[in-house]
Amino acid sequence: MYANNSYDIVITDLSMPKMDGIEMITKIKEINEDQLVLITSAHTETDYMIAAIKVGIDGYIIKPFEYPQLNAELYKIANRLEVLQENIVYKKHLKELLEKKTSLLVSALRT
């Protein structure tokens, strides 16, 4: 399902019926290494948290969680998403400027 769609944020649990959250995030990161991921889990063991950090999560909320905590994590991730999108626009603009400059340089060299 992930391979055929685009998502700003993936929110998942570690415990799921078909595959665990770490395995799913690993597969997602193979498709899109920049995907933002938030994990919610009842697991408080260090091993789970370290595994989640190693696969590149952006937030980890321990259940049961309070809505202010969820909002704070989502706000942090949304800010990161905004920066990533601004970088994409900036890179596109730089590429366009470079192409224009290159075109002008080539034209000047031909004359």
C-alpha atoms as a PDB file:
ATOM      1  CA  MET A   1       0.000   0.000   0.000  1.00  0.00           C
ATOM      2  CA  TYR A   2       2.828   2.436   0.857  1.00  0.00           C
ATOM      3  CA  ALA A   3       4.619   1.930  -2.460  1.00  0.00           C
ATOM      4  CA  ASN A   4       1.553   3.135  -4.391  1.00  0.00           C
ATOM      5  CA  ASN A   5       0.842   6.249  -2.327  1.00  0.00           C
ATOM      6  CA  SER A   6       2.508   9.288  -0.809  1.00  0.00           C
ATOM      7  CA  TYR A   7       2.218  10.263   2.846  1.00  0.00           C
ATOM      8  CA  ASP A   8       3.497  13.238   4.823  1.00  0.00           C
ATOM      9  CA  ILE A   9       3.661  11.313   8.100  1.00  0.00           C
ATOM     10  CA  VAL A  10       3.376   7.606   8.881  1.00  0.00           C
ATOM     11  CA  ILE A  11       2.024   6.835  12.351  1.00  0.00           C
ATOM     12  CA  THR A  12       2.388   3.223  13.420  1.00  0.00           C
ATOM     13  CA  ASP A  13       2.501   0.894  16.368  1.00  0.00           C
ATOM     14  CA  LEU A  14       5.323  -1.556  17.028  1.00  0.00           C
ATOM     15  CA  SER A  15       2.958  -4.488  17.544  1.00  0.00           C
ATOM     16  CA  MET A  16       0.920  -5.359  14.474  1.00  0.00           C
ATOM     17  CA  PRO A  17      -0.523  -8.633  13.165  1.00  0.00           C
ATOM     18  CA  LYS A  18       1.307  -9.139   9.834  1.00  0.00           C
ATOM     19  CA  MET A  19       4.664  -7.476  10.541  1.00  0.00           C
ATOM     20  CA  ASP A  20       6.054  -5.476  13.415  1.00  0.00           C
ATOM     21  CA  GLY A  21       6.505  -1.724  13.219  1.00  0.00           C
ATOM     22  CA  ILE A  22      10.304  -1.890  12.931  1.00  0.00           C
ATOM     23  CA  GLU A  23      10.079  -4.208   9.928  1.00  0.00           C
ATOM     24  CA  MET A  24       7.450  -1.987   8.302  1.00  0.00           C
ATOM     25  CA  ILE A  25       9.489   1.179   8.862  1.00  0.00           C
ATOM     26  CA  THR A  26      12.579  -0.537   7.438  1.00  0.00           C
ATOM     27  CA  LYS A  27      10.644  -1.403   4.272  1.00  0.00           C
ATOM     28  CA  ILE A  28       9.227   2.119   4.055  1.00  0.00           C
ATOM     29  CA  LYS A  29      12.697   3.682   4.435  1.00  0.00           C
ATOM     30  CA  GLU A  30      13.936   1.470   1.576  1.00  0.00           C
ATOM     31  CA  ILE A  31      11.310   3.149  -0.616  1.00  0.00           C
ATOM     32  CA  ASN A  32      11.648   6.669   0.830  1.00  0.00           C
ATOM     33  CA  GLU A  33      14.483   7.341   3.245  1.00  0.00           C
ATOM     34  CA  ASP A  34      13.050  10.799   4.042  1.00  0.00           C
ATOM     35  CA  GLN A  35       9.662   9.500   5.190  1.00  0.00           C
ATOM     36  CA  LEU A  36       8.670  10.972   8.547  1.00  0.00           C
ATOM     37  CA  VAL A  37       7.553   8.316  11.045  1.00  0.00           C
ATOM     38  CA  LEU A  38       5.940   8.476  14.473  1.00  0.00           C
ATOM     39  CA  ILE A  39       5.667   5.335  16.590  1.00  0.00           C
ATOM     40  CA  THR A  40       3.096   4.788  19.306  1.00  0.00           C
ATOM     41  CA  SER A  41       3.764   1.814  21.529  1.00  0.00           C
ATOM     42  CA  ALA A  42       3.196   0.326  24.939  1.00  0.00           C
ATOM     43  CA  HIS A  43       6.768  -1.029  24.823  1.00  0.00           C
ATOM     44  CA  THR A  44       9.052   0.887  27.151  1.00  0.00           C
ATOM     45  CA  GLU A  45      12.014  -1.460  26.870  1.00  0.00           C
ATOM     46  CA  THR A  46      15.238   0.131  25.704  1.00  0.00           C
ATOM     47  CA  ASP A  47      15.734  -2.487  22.973  1.00  0.00           C
ATOM     48  CA  TYR A  48      12.553  -1.402  21.188  1.00  0.00           C
ATOM     49  CA  MET A  49      13.458   2.269  21.404  1.00  0.00           C
ATOM     50  CA  ILE A  50      17.005   1.689  20.149  1.00  0.00           C
ATOM     51  CA  ALA A  51      15.722  -0.410  17.231  1.00  0.00           C
ATOM     52  CA  ALA A  52      13.252   2.352  16.367  1.00  0.00           C
ATOM     53  CA  ILE A  53      15.966   5.007  16.474  1.00  0.00           C
ATOM     54  CA  LYS A  54      18.228   2.891  14.256  1.00  0.00           C
ATOM     55  CA  VAL A  55      15.578   2.672  11.510  1.00  0.00           C
ATOM     56  CA  GLY A  56      15.165   6.443  11.570  1.00  0.00           C
ATOM     57  CA  ILE A  57      11.972   7.344  13.377  1.00  0.00           C
ATOM     58  CA  ASP A  58      11.074  10.949  14.082  1.00  0.00           C
ATOM     59  CA  GLY A  59       9.071  10.443  17.261  1.00  0.00           C
ATOM     60  CA  TYR A  60       8.171   7.760  19.829  1.00  0.00           C
ATOM     61  CA  ILE A  61       5.138   8.024  22.081  1.00  0.00           C
ATOM     62  CA  ILE A  62       4.551   5.538  24.878  1.00  0.00           C
ATOM     63  CA  LYS A  63       0.947   4.439  25.381  1.00  0.00           C
ATOM     64  CA  PRO A  64      -1.257   5.383  26.992  1.00  0.00           C
ATOM     65  CA  PHE A  65      -0.448   8.904  25.866  1.00  0.00           C
ATOM     66  CA  GLU A  66      -1.998  12.266  26.550  1.00  0.00           C
ATOM     67  CA  TYR A  67      -3.242  14.307  23.590  1.00  0.00           C
ATOM     68  CA  PRO A  68      -0.934  17.245  24.427  1.00  0.00           C
ATOM     69  CA  GLN A  69       2.003  14.839  24.073  1.00  0.00           C
ATOM     70  CA  LEU A  70       0.699  13.585  20.717  1.00  0.00           C
ATOM     71  CA  ASN A  71       0.133  17.173  19.557  1.00  0.00           C
ATOM     72  CA  ALA A  72       3.676  18.150  20.599  1.00  0.00           C
ATOM     73  CA  GLU A  73       5.191  15.248  18.640  1.00  0.00           C
ATOM     74  CA  LEU A  74       3.041  15.966  15.582  1.00  0.00           C
ATOM     75  CA  TYR A  75       3.966  19.656  15.756  1.00  0.00           C
ATOM     76  CA  LYS A  76       7.675  18.788  15.871  1.00  0.00           C
ATOM     77  CA  ILE A  77       7.318  16.439  12.895  1.00  0.00           C
ATOM     78  CA  ALA A  78       5.199  18.956  10.966  1.00  0.00           C
ATOM     79  CA  ASN A  79       7.936  21.564  11.421  1.00  0.00           C
ATOM     80  CA  ARG A  80      10.496  19.119  10.048  1.00  0.00           C
ATOM     81  CA  LEU A  81       8.182  18.367   7.109  1.00  0.00           C
ATOM     82  CA  GLU A  82       7.901  22.084   6.389  1.00  0.00           C
ATOM     83  CA  VAL A  83      11.702  22.438   6.329  1.00  0.00           C
ATOM     84  CA  LEU A  84      12.032  19.435   4.007  1.00  0.00           C
ATOM     85  CA  GLN A  85       9.460  20.903   1.623  1.00  0.00           C
ATOM     86  CA  GLU A  86      11.168  24.308   1.696  1.00  0.00           C
ATOM     87  CA  ASN A  87      14.460  22.589   0.826  1.00  0.00           C
ATOM     88  CA  ILE A  88      12.838  20.892  -2.170  1.00  0.00           C
ATOM     89  CA  VAL A  89      11.525  24.234  -3.448  1.00  0.00           C
ATOM     90  CA  TYR A  90      14.912  25.885  -2.818  1.00  0.00           C
ATOM     91  CA  LYS A  91      16.809  23.138  -4.686  1.00  0.00           C
ATOM     92  CA  LYS A  92      14.401  23.394  -7.616  1.00  0.00           C
ATOM     93  CA  HIS A  93      14.876  27.163  -7.741  1.00  0.00           C
ATOM     94  CA  LEU A  94      18.684  26.788  -7.615  1.00  0.00           C
ATOM     95  CA  LYS A  95      18.572  24.240 -10.423  1.00  0.00           C
ATOM     96  CA  GLU A  96      16.494  26.599 -12.576  1.00  0.00           C
ATOM     97  CA  LEU A  97      18.917  29.469 -11.903  1.00  0.00           C
ATOM     98  CA  LEU A  98      21.885  27.266 -12.778  1.00  0.00           C
ATOM     99  CA  GLU A  99      20.243  26.154 -16.012  1.00  0.00           C
ATOM    100  CA  LYS A 100      19.560  29.792 -16.969  1.00  0.00           C
ATOM    101  CA  LYS A 101      23.136  30.845 -16.170  1.00  0.00           C
ATOM    102  CA  THR A 102      24.516  27.888 -18.115  1.00  0.00           C
ATOM    103  CA  SER A 103      22.308  28.691 -21.081  1.00  0.00           C
ATOM    104  CA  LEU A 104      23.445  32.337 -21.047  1.00  0.00           C
ATOM    105  CA  LEU A 105      27.080  31.279 -20.784  1.00  0.00           C
ATOM    106  CA  VAL A 106      26.753  28.847 -23.701  1.00  0.00           C
ATOM    107  CA  SER A 107      25.049  31.554 -25.787  1.00  0.00           C
ATOM    108  CA  ALA A 108      27.795  34.055 -24.954  1.00  0.00           C
ATOM    109  CA  LEU A 109      30.544  31.574 -25.873  1.00  0.00           C
ATOM    110  CA  ARG A 110      28.930  30.869 -29.248  1.00  0.00           C
ATOM    111  CA  THR A 111      28.951  34.528 -30.222  1.00  0.00           C
END
